[in-house]
Amino acid sequence: MSMNLKNTSRIKKIRQILKARYPDVKTQLRHESPFQLLVATILSAQCTDQQVNAVTPRLFACLKTPADFAAAPIKKIEALIHSTGFYHNKAQNIKNCARTLIELYGGEVPNTLKELVRLPGVGRKTANVVLGAVFSVPAMVVDTHVARISRRLGLTAGKNPEKIELDLMDVIPKKQWNDFSLWLIYFGRSVCTARKPDCSACFLNHLCSYPDKTRAAP
């Protein structure tokens, strides 16, 4: 199947099938507040949601507010998040993020992309997770699953996450942005995996533009 980034009929079928397969989707990162989700999403970089969820209950029991994180010794934060990997950078980012939240927004997590990406450690992906999951703002999250699968399905030719985000926003109805990225995340974890996509069992196989279904995609 040749790649056609704006084949609306094919894209509509993809959306319909994914919606039927995953009718109830939400972020798998457990949280009880916008700030908790912000921290959990920062921790999820290069780490599974399962591992983050194993760490955050104790983390949030010890440090509850942005003020708590801002005041905490960096070594304490590192010890609490150690098992999520890259804990030196993550601890520094979370501490600085908490400080900046207090300085710029009175400790409240803002609800716009422009404001969120001003926070240390918060890029477009993290901001979009928070916007969609907490504030119900249409946002297209591009993580490794979304990037990989959108290329395999021929929805983008881009490799830069922001380019992929813009391409997907261009071909997916705005009201489905939040769900669509979650559909691809669910699909990527169970079927269209990075190294060994289960193409023979894939319910999107007949709509897929991935040229070599016997090897992992780049």
N, C-alpha and C. Protein backbone atom coordinates (compact mmCIF):
# COMPACT_ATOMS: atom_id res chain seq x y z
N MET A 1 0.85 -1.19 0.00
CA MET A 1 0.00 0.00 0.00
C MET A 1 0.88 1.24 0.00
N SER A 2 0.66 2.13 -0.94
CA SER A 2 1.47 3.33 -0.99
C SER A 2 1.05 4.29 0.10
N MET A 3 1.99 5.12 0.53
CA MET A 3 1.71 6.08 1.59
C MET A 3 0.93 7.26 1.04
N ASN A 4 -0.18 7.56 1.68
CA ASN A 4 -0.96 8.75 1.35
C ASN A 4 -1.37 9.36 2.68
N LEU A 5 -0.68 10.44 3.06
CA LEU A 5 -0.85 10.99 4.39
C LEU A 5 -2.25 11.54 4.62
N LYS A 6 -2.96 11.87 3.54
CA LYS A 6 -4.28 12.47 3.72
C LYS A 6 -5.38 11.65 3.04
N ASN A 7 -5.22 10.35 3.02
CA ASN A 7 -6.26 9.46 2.52
C ASN A 7 -7.36 9.38 3.58
N THR A 8 -8.31 10.29 3.48
CA THR A 8 -9.29 10.45 4.56
C THR A 8 -10.15 9.21 4.78
N SER A 9 -10.46 8.48 3.71
CA SER A 9 -11.26 7.27 3.85
C SER A 9 -10.51 6.21 4.65
N ARG A 10 -9.24 6.02 4.33
CA ARG A 10 -8.43 5.04 5.06
C ARG A 10 -8.24 5.46 6.51
N ILE A 11 -7.97 6.74 6.73
CA ILE A 11 -7.76 7.23 8.10
C ILE A 11 -9.04 7.09 8.91
N LYS A 12 -10.18 7.33 8.29
CA LYS A 12 -11.45 7.17 9.00
C LYS A 12 -11.66 5.73 9.43
N LYS A 13 -11.30 4.79 8.55
CA LYS A 13 -11.42 3.37 8.91
C LYS A 13 -10.49 3.02 10.06
N ILE A 14 -9.28 3.54 10.03
CA ILE A 14 -8.33 3.31 11.12
C ILE A 14 -8.91 3.82 12.43
N ARG A 15 -9.46 5.02 12.40
CA ARG A 15 -10.04 5.61 13.62
C ARG A 15 -11.21 4.78 14.13
N GLN A 16 -12.05 4.34 13.23
CA GLN A 16 -13.22 3.57 13.63
C GLN A 16 -12.83 2.24 14.27
N ILE A 17 -11.83 1.58 13.68
CA ILE A 17 -11.39 0.28 14.21
C ILE A 17 -10.74 0.46 15.59
N LEU A 18 -9.87 1.46 15.70
CA LEU A 18 -9.21 1.69 16.99
C LEU A 18 -10.22 2.05 18.07
N LYS A 19 -11.20 2.87 17.73
CA LYS A 19 -12.22 3.25 18.71
C LYS A 19 -13.01 2.03 19.17
N ALA A 20 -13.33 1.13 18.24
CA ALA A 20 -14.07 -0.07 18.60
C ALA A 20 -13.24 -1.00 19.48
N ARG A 21 -11.94 -1.06 19.21
CA ARG A 21 -11.04 -1.93 19.98
C ARG A 21 -10.75 -1.38 21.37
N TYR A 22 -10.64 -0.06 21.45
CA TYR A 22 -10.28 0.58 22.72
C TYR A 22 -11.30 1.68 23.04
N PRO A 23 -12.52 1.26 23.43
CA PRO A 23 -13.59 2.25 23.62
C PRO A 23 -13.43 3.14 24.84
N ASP A 24 -12.65 2.71 25.81
CA ASP A 24 -12.51 3.48 27.05
C ASP A 24 -11.02 3.62 27.37
N VAL A 25 -10.43 4.73 26.98
CA VAL A 25 -8.99 4.91 27.18
C VAL A 25 -8.72 6.10 28.10
N LYS A 26 -7.66 5.97 28.85
CA LYS A 26 -7.20 7.06 29.72
C LYS A 26 -5.74 6.82 30.03
N THR A 27 -5.05 7.84 30.50
CA THR A 27 -3.65 7.67 30.86
C THR A 27 -3.52 6.60 31.94
N GLN A 28 -2.48 5.81 31.83
CA GLN A 28 -2.25 4.74 32.81
C GLN A 28 -1.46 5.22 34.01
N LEU A 29 -1.03 6.46 34.00
CA LEU A 29 -0.30 7.03 35.13
C LEU A 29 -1.30 7.41 36.22
N ARG A 30 -1.16 6.81 37.38
CA ARG A 30 -2.10 7.09 38.47
C ARG A 30 -1.80 8.46 39.07
N HIS A 31 -2.86 9.19 39.35
CA HIS A 31 -2.70 10.53 39.91
C HIS A 31 -4.00 10.97 40.56
N GLU A 32 -3.87 11.91 41.47
CA GLU A 32 -5.04 12.45 42.15
C GLU A 32 -5.14 13.96 41.98
N SER A 33 -4.23 14.55 41.23
CA SER A 33 -4.24 15.99 41.02
C SER A 33 -3.45 16.31 39.76
N PRO A 34 -3.65 17.50 39.20
CA PRO A 34 -2.84 17.90 38.04
C PRO A 34 -1.34 17.87 38.34
N PHE A 35 -0.95 18.29 39.54
CA PHE A 35 0.47 18.32 39.88
C PHE A 35 1.04 16.90 39.94
N GLN A 36 0.28 15.97 40.51
CA GLN A 36 0.76 14.59 40.56
C GLN A 36 0.94 14.02 39.16
N LEU A 37 0.02 14.32 38.26
CA LEU A 37 0.18 13.82 36.89
C LEU A 37 1.38 14.46 36.21
N LEU A 38 1.59 15.74 36.47
CA LEU A 38 2.76 16.42 35.90
C LEU A 38 4.04 15.74 36.34
N VAL A 39 4.17 15.47 37.62
CA VAL A 39 5.37 14.80 38.14
C VAL A 39 5.48 13.39 37.58
N ALA A 40 4.38 12.65 37.57
CA ALA A 40 4.40 11.27 37.07
C ALA A 40 4.82 11.22 35.60
N THR A 41 4.38 12.19 34.82
CA THR A 41 4.72 12.20 33.40
C THR A 41 6.19 12.53 33.19
N ILE A 42 6.73 13.42 34.00
CA ILE A 42 8.17 13.68 33.94
C ILE A 42 8.94 12.40 34.28
N LEU A 43 8.46 11.66 35.26
CA LEU A 43 9.13 10.41 35.65
C LEU A 43 9.02 9.33 34.58
N SER A 44 8.00 9.42 33.73
CA SER A 44 7.75 8.35 32.75
C SER A 44 8.71 8.35 31.58
N ALA A 45 9.54 9.39 31.46
CA ALA A 45 10.53 9.41 30.38
C ALA A 45 11.49 8.23 30.52
N GLN A 46 11.62 7.45 29.47
CA GLN A 46 12.51 6.27 29.47
C GLN A 46 12.15 5.31 30.61
N CYS A 47 10.87 5.23 30.93
CA CYS A 47 10.43 4.37 32.02
C CYS A 47 9.00 3.94 31.74
N THR A 48 8.62 2.75 32.17
CA THR A 48 7.27 2.28 31.95
C THR A 48 6.30 2.92 32.93
N ASP A 49 5.04 3.03 32.51
CA ASP A 49 4.01 3.55 33.41
C ASP A 49 3.89 2.66 34.65
N GLN A 50 4.05 1.36 34.46
CA GLN A 50 3.96 0.42 35.58
C GLN A 50 4.99 0.74 36.65
N GLN A 51 6.21 1.02 36.23
CA GLN A 51 7.26 1.33 37.19
C GLN A 51 7.01 2.68 37.86
N VAL A 52 6.54 3.65 37.09
CA VAL A 52 6.21 4.94 37.69
C VAL A 52 5.12 4.78 38.74
N ASN A 53 4.11 3.98 38.41
CA ASN A 53 3.01 3.76 39.36
C ASN A 53 3.46 3.02 40.62
N ALA A 54 4.57 2.30 40.51
CA ALA A 54 5.11 1.62 41.70
C ALA A 54 5.84 2.60 42.61
N VAL A 55 6.29 3.71 42.03
CA VAL A 55 7.09 4.69 42.77
C VAL A 55 6.25 5.82 43.36
N THR A 56 5.25 6.27 42.62
CA THR A 56 4.55 7.49 43.01
C THR A 56 3.75 7.42 44.32
N PRO A 57 3.17 6.29 44.71
CA PRO A 57 2.45 6.32 45.98
C PRO A 57 3.32 6.76 47.16
N ARG A 58 4.52 6.21 47.27
CA ARG A 58 5.42 6.60 48.35
C ARG A 58 5.92 8.02 48.15
N LEU A 59 6.22 8.36 46.90
CA LEU A 59 6.71 9.71 46.59
C LEU A 59 5.71 10.75 47.05
N PHE A 60 4.43 10.56 46.68
CA PHE A 60 3.42 11.56 47.00
C PHE A 60 2.95 11.48 48.45
N ALA A 61 3.26 10.38 49.12
CA ALA A 61 2.99 10.32 50.55
C ALA A 61 4.02 11.15 51.32
N CYS A 62 5.25 11.19 50.79
CA CYS A 62 6.33 11.95 51.43
C CYS A 62 6.31 13.42 51.04
N LEU A 63 6.02 13.69 49.78
CA LEU A 63 6.04 15.06 49.25
C LEU A 63 4.71 15.30 48.56
N LYS A 64 3.91 16.17 49.12
CA LYS A 64 2.53 16.29 48.67
C LYS A 64 2.27 17.49 47.75
N THR A 65 3.00 18.56 47.92
CA THR A 65 2.70 19.81 47.20
C THR A 65 3.93 20.31 46.45
N PRO A 66 3.74 21.25 45.53
CA PRO A 66 4.91 21.87 44.90
C PRO A 66 5.87 22.46 45.92
N ALA A 67 5.35 23.04 47.00
CA ALA A 67 6.21 23.61 48.04
C ALA A 67 7.05 22.53 48.70
N ASP A 68 6.46 21.34 48.90
CA ASP A 68 7.21 20.24 49.49
C ASP A 68 8.38 19.83 48.60
N PHE A 69 8.12 19.72 47.29
CA PHE A 69 9.18 19.33 46.35
C PHE A 69 10.23 20.42 46.24
N ALA A 70 9.80 21.67 46.24
CA ALA A 70 10.75 22.78 46.12
C ALA A 70 11.68 22.85 47.32
N ALA A 71 11.17 22.48 48.47
CA ALA A 71 11.96 22.57 49.71
C ALA A 71 12.76 21.31 50.00
N ALA A 72 12.42 20.21 49.37
CA ALA A 72 13.06 18.93 49.68
C ALA A 72 14.50 18.90 49.19
N PRO A 73 15.40 18.30 49.97
CA PRO A 73 16.77 18.09 49.49
C PRO A 73 16.76 17.24 48.22
N ILE A 74 17.61 17.58 47.28
CA ILE A 74 17.62 16.87 46.01
C ILE A 74 17.91 15.38 46.21
N LYS A 75 18.73 15.05 47.20
CA LYS A 75 19.05 13.64 47.47
C LYS A 75 17.82 12.86 47.92
N LYS A 76 16.92 13.53 48.63
CA LYS A 76 15.69 12.86 49.07
C LYS A 76 14.81 12.53 47.87
N ILE A 77 14.68 13.48 46.96
CA ILE A 77 13.87 13.23 45.76
C ILE A 77 14.50 12.11 44.93
N GLU A 78 15.82 12.16 44.79
CA GLU A 78 16.52 11.12 44.02
C GLU A 78 16.28 9.74 44.62
N ALA A 79 16.34 9.64 45.93
CA ALA A 79 16.14 8.34 46.59
C ALA A 79 14.73 7.82 46.35
N LEU A 80 13.77 8.72 46.34
CA LEU A 80 12.37 8.30 46.17
C LEU A 80 12.05 7.89 44.74
N ILE A 81 12.78 8.41 43.76
CA ILE A 81 12.46 8.13 42.35
C ILE A 81 13.53 7.28 41.67
N HIS A 82 14.48 6.81 42.43
CA HIS A 82 15.68 6.15 41.89
C HIS A 82 15.34 5.09 40.84
N SER A 83 14.35 4.27 41.10
CA SER A 83 14.08 3.12 40.23
C SER A 83 13.42 3.50 38.91
N THR A 84 13.12 4.77 38.69
CA THR A 84 12.56 5.17 37.39
C THR A 84 13.65 5.47 36.37
N GLY A 85 14.92 5.45 36.80
CA GLY A 85 16.02 5.72 35.89
C GLY A 85 16.25 7.20 35.66
N PHE A 86 17.47 7.54 35.27
CA PHE A 86 17.84 8.93 35.00
C PHE A 86 17.41 9.84 36.15
N TYR A 87 17.57 9.32 37.37
CA TYR A 87 16.98 9.98 38.53
C TYR A 87 17.65 11.30 38.89
N HIS A 88 18.91 11.47 38.53
CA HIS A 88 19.57 12.76 38.81
C HIS A 88 18.86 13.89 38.06
N ASN A 89 18.72 13.71 36.74
CA ASN A 89 18.08 14.74 35.92
C ASN A 89 16.61 14.90 36.28
N LYS A 90 15.91 13.79 36.49
CA LYS A 90 14.49 13.86 36.80
C LYS A 90 14.25 14.58 38.13
N ALA A 91 15.07 14.29 39.12
CA ALA A 91 14.92 14.95 40.42
C ALA A 91 15.13 16.45 40.29
N GLN A 92 16.17 16.83 39.54
CA GLN A 92 16.44 18.25 39.36
C GLN A 92 15.31 18.93 38.61
N ASN A 93 14.82 18.27 37.57
CA ASN A 93 13.72 18.85 36.79
C ASN A 93 12.46 19.01 37.64
N ILE A 94 12.14 18.00 38.44
CA ILE A 94 10.93 18.06 39.25
C ILE A 94 11.05 19.15 40.32
N LYS A 95 12.20 19.24 40.94
CA LYS A 95 12.41 20.28 41.96
C LYS A 95 12.32 21.67 41.34
N ASN A 96 12.97 21.85 40.20
CA ASN A 96 12.92 23.15 39.52
C ASN A 96 11.52 23.45 38.98
N CYS A 97 10.84 22.41 38.52
CA CYS A 97 9.47 22.56 38.04
C CYS A 97 8.57 23.06 39.17
N ALA A 98 8.72 22.47 40.35
CA ALA A 98 7.91 22.88 41.51
C ALA A 98 8.19 24.33 41.88
N ARG A 99 9.46 24.69 41.87
CA ARG A 99 9.83 26.09 42.18
C ARG A 99 9.20 27.06 41.18
N THR A 100 9.29 26.70 39.91
CA THR A 100 8.77 27.58 38.88
C THR A 100 7.25 27.66 38.94
N LEU A 101 6.60 26.55 39.26
CA LEU A 101 5.15 26.57 39.43
C LEU A 101 4.75 27.60 40.49
N ILE A 102 5.49 27.60 41.58
CA ILE A 102 5.20 28.53 42.67
C ILE A 102 5.47 29.97 42.23
N GLU A 103 6.61 30.16 41.57
CA GLU A 103 7.01 31.52 41.18
C GLU A 103 6.11 32.13 40.10
N LEU A 104 5.74 31.31 39.11
CA LEU A 104 4.99 31.84 37.97
C LEU A 104 3.48 31.69 38.10
N TYR A 105 3.04 30.62 38.76
CA TYR A 105 1.61 30.29 38.73
C TYR A 105 1.01 30.05 40.11
N GLY A 106 1.67 30.51 41.14
CA GLY A 106 1.12 30.37 42.48
C GLY A 106 0.94 28.93 42.92
N GLY A 107 1.73 28.03 42.35
CA GLY A 107 1.65 26.62 42.73
C GLY A 107 0.58 25.83 42.01
N GLU A 108 -0.17 26.49 41.12
CA GLU A 108 -1.23 25.81 40.37
C GLU A 108 -0.73 25.41 38.99
N VAL A 109 -1.05 24.21 38.55
CA VAL A 109 -0.65 23.75 37.23
C VAL A 109 -1.47 24.50 36.18
N PRO A 110 -0.82 25.19 35.24
CA PRO A 110 -1.57 25.95 34.22
C PRO A 110 -2.22 25.02 33.21
N ASN A 111 -3.17 25.57 32.45
CA ASN A 111 -3.94 24.74 31.51
C ASN A 111 -3.75 25.13 30.06
N THR A 112 -2.58 25.71 29.74
CA THR A 112 -2.27 25.98 28.33
C THR A 112 -0.89 25.42 28.00
N LEU A 113 -0.72 25.06 26.75
CA LEU A 113 0.56 24.52 26.30
C LEU A 113 1.67 25.53 26.49
N LYS A 114 1.40 26.78 26.12
CA LYS A 114 2.42 27.82 26.21
C LYS A 114 2.94 27.98 27.64
N GLU A 115 2.04 27.92 28.61
CA GLU A 115 2.45 28.07 30.00
C GLU A 115 3.15 26.81 30.52
N LEU A 116 2.64 25.66 30.16
CA LEU A 116 3.21 24.41 30.67
C LEU A 116 4.65 24.21 30.21
N VAL A 117 4.94 24.53 28.95
CA VAL A 117 6.30 24.27 28.45
C VAL A 117 7.32 25.26 29.00
N ARG A 118 6.87 26.25 29.74
CA ARG A 118 7.81 27.15 30.44
C ARG A 118 8.39 26.47 31.67
N LEU A 119 7.78 25.38 32.10
CA LEU A 119 8.23 24.69 33.31
C LEU A 119 9.44 23.82 33.00
N PRO A 120 10.45 23.81 33.86
CA PRO A 120 11.62 22.94 33.66
C PRO A 120 11.21 21.47 33.55
N GLY A 121 11.78 20.78 32.57
CA GLY A 121 11.50 19.35 32.40
C GLY A 121 10.21 19.05 31.69
N VAL A 122 9.49 20.08 31.25
CA VAL A 122 8.19 19.87 30.61
C VAL A 122 8.29 20.25 29.13
N GLY A 123 8.23 19.24 28.27
CA GLY A 123 8.18 19.47 26.84
C GLY A 123 6.75 19.32 26.35
N ARG A 124 6.60 19.31 25.05
CA ARG A 124 5.25 19.25 24.46
C ARG A 124 4.53 17.96 24.83
N LYS A 125 5.25 16.84 24.86
CA LYS A 125 4.60 15.58 25.18
C LYS A 125 4.01 15.61 26.58
N THR A 126 4.83 16.01 27.57
CA THR A 126 4.37 16.06 28.95
C THR A 126 3.21 17.04 29.08
N ALA A 127 3.36 18.21 28.45
CA ALA A 127 2.30 19.21 28.51
C ALA A 127 1.00 18.67 27.92
N ASN A 128 1.09 17.98 26.81
CA ASN A 128 -0.11 17.46 26.16
C ASN A 128 -0.78 16.36 26.98
N VAL A 129 0.02 15.54 27.67
CA VAL A 129 -0.56 14.54 28.57
C VAL A 129 -1.43 15.22 29.62
N VAL A 130 -0.88 16.25 30.24
CA VAL A 130 -1.60 16.97 31.30
C VAL A 130 -2.82 17.68 30.73
N LEU A 131 -2.67 18.34 29.60
CA LEU A 131 -3.79 19.06 29.00
C LEU A 131 -4.96 18.13 28.70
N GLY A 132 -4.65 16.96 28.11
CA GLY A 132 -5.72 16.04 27.74
C GLY A 132 -6.33 15.32 28.91
N ALA A 133 -5.50 14.82 29.82
CA ALA A 133 -5.99 13.97 30.90
C ALA A 133 -6.64 14.75 32.03
N VAL A 134 -6.13 15.94 32.31
CA VAL A 134 -6.62 16.71 33.45
C VAL A 134 -7.62 17.79 33.05
N PHE A 135 -7.31 18.48 31.96
CA PHE A 135 -8.12 19.64 31.60
C PHE A 135 -9.04 19.38 30.40
N SER A 136 -8.99 18.19 29.84
CA SER A 136 -9.82 17.83 28.69
C SER A 136 -9.64 18.79 27.51
N VAL A 137 -8.44 19.31 27.39
CA VAL A 137 -8.09 20.16 26.25
C VAL A 137 -7.62 19.26 25.11
N PRO A 138 -8.14 19.40 23.90
CA PRO A 138 -7.67 18.57 22.79
C PRO A 138 -6.16 18.70 22.62
N ALA A 139 -5.47 17.57 22.70
CA ALA A 139 -4.00 17.57 22.62
C ALA A 139 -3.54 16.24 22.04
N MET A 140 -2.54 16.28 21.18
CA MET A 140 -2.01 15.08 20.56
C MET A 140 -0.67 14.72 21.22
N VAL A 141 -0.68 13.70 22.03
CA VAL A 141 0.53 13.24 22.71
C VAL A 141 1.35 12.40 21.74
N VAL A 142 2.61 12.73 21.59
CA VAL A 142 3.50 11.93 20.73
C VAL A 142 4.59 11.33 21.60
N ASP A 143 4.39 10.07 21.99
CA ASP A 143 5.44 9.33 22.68
C ASP A 143 6.07 8.36 21.69
N THR A 144 6.87 7.43 22.16
CA THR A 144 7.55 6.52 21.23
C THR A 144 6.56 5.63 20.49
N HIS A 145 5.48 5.20 21.16
CA HIS A 145 4.47 4.37 20.50
C HIS A 145 3.78 5.15 19.38
N VAL A 146 3.33 6.36 19.70
CA VAL A 146 2.61 7.17 18.72
C VAL A 146 3.51 7.50 17.54
N ALA A 147 4.75 7.85 17.81
CA ALA A 147 5.68 8.17 16.73
C ALA A 147 5.89 6.96 15.82
N ARG A 148 6.16 5.82 16.42
CA ARG A 148 6.44 4.60 15.65
C ARG A 148 5.24 4.17 14.81
N ILE A 149 4.08 4.12 15.44
CA ILE A 149 2.90 3.57 14.77
C ILE A 149 2.35 4.52 13.72
N SER A 150 2.39 5.81 14.00
CA SER A 150 1.88 6.77 13.00
C SER A 150 2.73 6.72 11.73
N ARG A 151 4.03 6.43 11.87
CA ARG A 151 4.87 6.25 10.67
C ARG A 151 4.53 4.94 9.97
N ARG A 152 4.38 3.88 10.74
CA ARG A 152 4.05 2.59 10.13
C ARG A 152 2.72 2.63 9.39
N LEU A 153 1.77 3.35 9.94
CA LEU A 153 0.46 3.44 9.31
C LEU A 153 0.43 4.45 8.17
N GLY A 154 1.55 5.16 7.98
CA GLY A 154 1.59 6.13 6.89
C GLY A 154 0.83 7.40 7.18
N LEU A 155 0.70 7.75 8.46
CA LEU A 155 0.02 8.98 8.83
C LEU A 155 0.97 10.16 8.89
N THR A 156 2.25 9.87 8.87
CA THR A 156 3.28 10.90 8.86
C THR A 156 4.55 10.32 8.26
N ALA A 157 5.38 11.17 7.71
CA ALA A 157 6.71 10.75 7.27
C ALA A 157 7.76 11.36 8.19
N GLY A 158 7.30 12.10 9.18
CA GLY A 158 8.22 12.81 10.07
C GLY A 158 8.86 11.92 11.12
N LYS A 159 10.01 12.36 11.60
CA LYS A 159 10.68 11.69 12.70
C LYS A 159 10.80 12.59 13.92
N ASN A 160 10.71 13.89 13.71
CA ASN A 160 10.71 14.83 14.80
C ASN A 160 9.34 14.81 15.49
N PRO A 161 9.28 14.66 16.83
CA PRO A 161 7.99 14.55 17.52
C PRO A 161 7.04 15.70 17.23
N GLU A 162 7.56 16.92 17.15
CA GLU A 162 6.67 18.05 16.90
C GLU A 162 6.09 18.00 15.49
N LYS A 163 6.90 17.55 14.53
CA LYS A 163 6.41 17.40 13.16
C LYS A 163 5.32 16.32 13.11
N ILE A 164 5.56 15.22 13.80
CA ILE A 164 4.57 14.14 13.86
C ILE A 164 3.28 14.65 14.49
N GLU A 165 3.42 15.39 15.58
CA GLU A 165 2.25 15.96 16.26
C GLU A 165 1.42 16.81 15.30
N LEU A 166 2.09 17.68 14.57
CA LEU A 166 1.38 18.57 13.64
C LEU A 166 0.74 17.79 12.50
N ASP A 167 1.43 16.77 11.99
CA ASP A 167 0.87 15.94 10.92
C ASP A 167 -0.40 15.23 11.40
N LEU A 168 -0.35 14.67 12.60
CA LEU A 168 -1.52 13.95 13.13
C LEU A 168 -2.68 14.91 13.40
N MET A 169 -2.37 16.09 13.91
CA MET A 169 -3.41 17.08 14.15
C MET A 169 -4.09 17.50 12.85
N ASP A 170 -3.36 17.39 11.76
CA ASP A 170 -3.88 17.79 10.46
C ASP A 170 -4.84 16.76 9.87
N VAL A 171 -4.68 15.47 10.26
CA VAL A 171 -5.50 14.42 9.63
C VAL A 171 -6.49 13.77 10.59
N ILE A 172 -6.39 14.06 11.89
CA ILE A 172 -7.30 13.49 12.88
C ILE A 172 -8.23 14.60 13.38
N PRO A 173 -9.53 14.35 13.45
CA PRO A 173 -10.46 15.37 13.96
C PRO A 173 -10.06 15.82 15.37
N LYS A 174 -10.15 17.12 15.60
CA LYS A 174 -9.69 17.69 16.88
C LYS A 174 -10.34 17.03 18.08
N LYS A 175 -11.61 16.68 17.96
CA LYS A 175 -12.32 16.09 19.08
C LYS A 175 -11.78 14.70 19.45
N GLN A 176 -10.98 14.10 18.56
CA GLN A 176 -10.43 12.78 18.83
C GLN A 176 -8.93 12.81 19.14
N TRP A 177 -8.33 13.98 19.21
CA TRP A 177 -6.89 14.03 19.44
C TRP A 177 -6.47 13.27 20.70
N ASN A 178 -7.13 13.53 21.81
CA ASN A 178 -6.75 12.87 23.06
C ASN A 178 -6.90 11.36 22.96
N ASP A 179 -8.04 10.92 22.46
CA ASP A 179 -8.29 9.49 22.37
C ASP A 179 -7.36 8.82 21.35
N PHE A 180 -7.13 9.49 20.22
CA PHE A 180 -6.34 8.86 19.17
C PHE A 180 -4.93 8.53 19.65
N SER A 181 -4.30 9.46 20.33
CA SER A 181 -2.94 9.18 20.82
C SER A 181 -2.98 8.03 21.83
N LEU A 182 -4.01 7.97 22.66
CA LEU A 182 -4.12 6.86 23.62
C LEU A 182 -4.42 5.55 22.90
N TRP A 183 -5.22 5.59 21.83
CA TRP A 183 -5.46 4.37 21.06
C TRP A 183 -4.14 3.80 20.54
N LEU A 184 -3.29 4.68 20.00
CA LEU A 184 -2.02 4.20 19.47
C LEU A 184 -1.10 3.69 20.58
N ILE A 185 -1.16 4.30 21.75
CA ILE A 185 -0.36 3.84 22.87
C ILE A 185 -0.81 2.44 23.31
N TYR A 186 -2.11 2.25 23.45
CA TYR A 186 -2.64 0.92 23.82
C TYR A 186 -2.26 -0.10 22.74
N PHE A 187 -2.45 0.27 21.48
CA PHE A 187 -2.15 -0.60 20.35
C PHE A 187 -0.67 -0.93 20.29
N GLY A 188 0.18 0.04 20.58
CA GLY A 188 1.62 -0.17 20.54
C GLY A 188 2.13 -1.08 21.64
N ARG A 189 1.46 -1.07 22.77
CA ARG A 189 1.87 -1.94 23.87
C ARG A 189 1.46 -3.40 23.64
N SER A 190 0.36 -3.61 22.93
CA SER A 190 -0.18 -4.96 22.84
C SER A 190 0.03 -5.64 21.48
N VAL A 191 0.08 -4.86 20.40
CA VAL A 191 0.14 -5.45 19.05
C VAL A 191 1.33 -4.93 18.25
N CYS A 192 1.36 -3.63 18.01
CA CYS A 192 2.36 -3.04 17.12
C CYS A 192 3.59 -2.62 17.93
N THR A 193 4.26 -3.61 18.50
CA THR A 193 5.40 -3.36 19.37
C THR A 193 6.61 -2.93 18.54
N ALA A 194 7.62 -2.44 19.23
CA ALA A 194 8.76 -1.85 18.53
C ALA A 194 9.57 -2.88 17.76
N ARG A 195 9.94 -3.96 18.43
CA ARG A 195 10.88 -4.90 17.80
C ARG A 195 10.20 -6.00 17.02
N LYS A 196 9.07 -6.48 17.52
CA LYS A 196 8.39 -7.59 16.84
C LYS A 196 6.89 -7.30 16.74
N PRO A 197 6.52 -6.42 15.83
CA PRO A 197 5.09 -6.15 15.66
C PRO A 197 4.36 -7.43 15.23
N ASP A 198 3.21 -7.67 15.84
CA ASP A 198 2.45 -8.89 15.55
C ASP A 198 1.55 -8.66 14.34
N CYS A 199 2.19 -8.52 13.19
CA CYS A 199 1.46 -8.14 11.98
C CYS A 199 0.41 -9.19 11.58
N SER A 200 0.71 -10.46 11.82
CA SER A 200 -0.23 -11.52 11.41
C SER A 200 -1.53 -11.46 12.20
N ALA A 201 -1.48 -10.91 13.41
CA ALA A 201 -2.68 -10.81 14.24
C ALA A 201 -3.23 -9.39 14.29
N CYS A 202 -2.66 -8.51 13.48
CA CYS A 202 -3.01 -7.10 13.57
C CYS A 202 -4.33 -6.79 12.86
N PHE A 203 -5.23 -6.15 13.56
CA PHE A 203 -6.54 -5.81 13.01
C PHE A 203 -6.48 -4.58 12.10
N LEU A 204 -5.30 -3.95 11.99
CA LEU A 204 -5.12 -2.85 11.04
C LEU A 204 -4.21 -3.24 9.87
N ASN A 205 -3.87 -4.49 9.77
CA ASN A 205 -2.92 -4.96 8.76
C ASN A 205 -3.33 -4.53 7.35
N HIS A 206 -4.62 -4.62 7.05
CA HIS A 206 -5.09 -4.33 5.69
C HIS A 206 -5.08 -2.83 5.39
N LEU A 207 -4.86 -2.01 6.41
CA LEU A 207 -4.83 -0.56 6.22
C LEU A 207 -3.44 0.02 6.45
N CYS A 208 -2.47 -0.85 6.63
CA CYS A 208 -1.15 -0.43 7.08
C CYS A 208 -0.22 -0.14 5.91
N SER A 209 0.53 0.94 6.02
CA SER A 209 1.48 1.33 4.97
C SER A 209 2.90 0.85 5.24
N TYR A 210 3.11 0.18 6.36
CA TYR A 210 4.44 -0.31 6.73
C TYR A 210 4.95 -1.25 5.64
N PRO A 211 6.02 -0.92 4.94
CA PRO A 211 6.42 -1.68 3.76
C PRO A 211 6.99 -3.07 4.02
N ASP A 212 7.57 -3.27 5.20
CA ASP A 212 8.18 -4.57 5.49
C ASP A 212 7.64 -5.07 6.81
N LYS A 213 6.64 -5.91 6.75
CA LYS A 213 5.97 -6.36 7.96
C LYS A 213 6.63 -7.59 8.58
N THR A 214 7.83 -7.91 8.13
CA THR A 214 8.53 -9.06 8.71
C THR A 214 9.68 -8.59 9.61
N ARG A 215 9.98 -7.30 9.60
CA ARG A 215 11.04 -6.76 10.44
C ARG A 215 10.50 -5.57 11.23
N ALA A 216 11.21 -5.23 12.30
CA ALA A 216 10.82 -4.07 13.07
C ALA A 216 11.05 -2.81 12.25
N ALA A 217 10.16 -1.85 12.42
CA ALA A 217 10.31 -0.57 11.72
C ALA A 217 11.42 0.23 12.36
N PRO A 218 12.02 1.17 11.62
CA PRO A 218 13.06 2.00 12.17
C PRO A 218 12.52 2.94 13.23
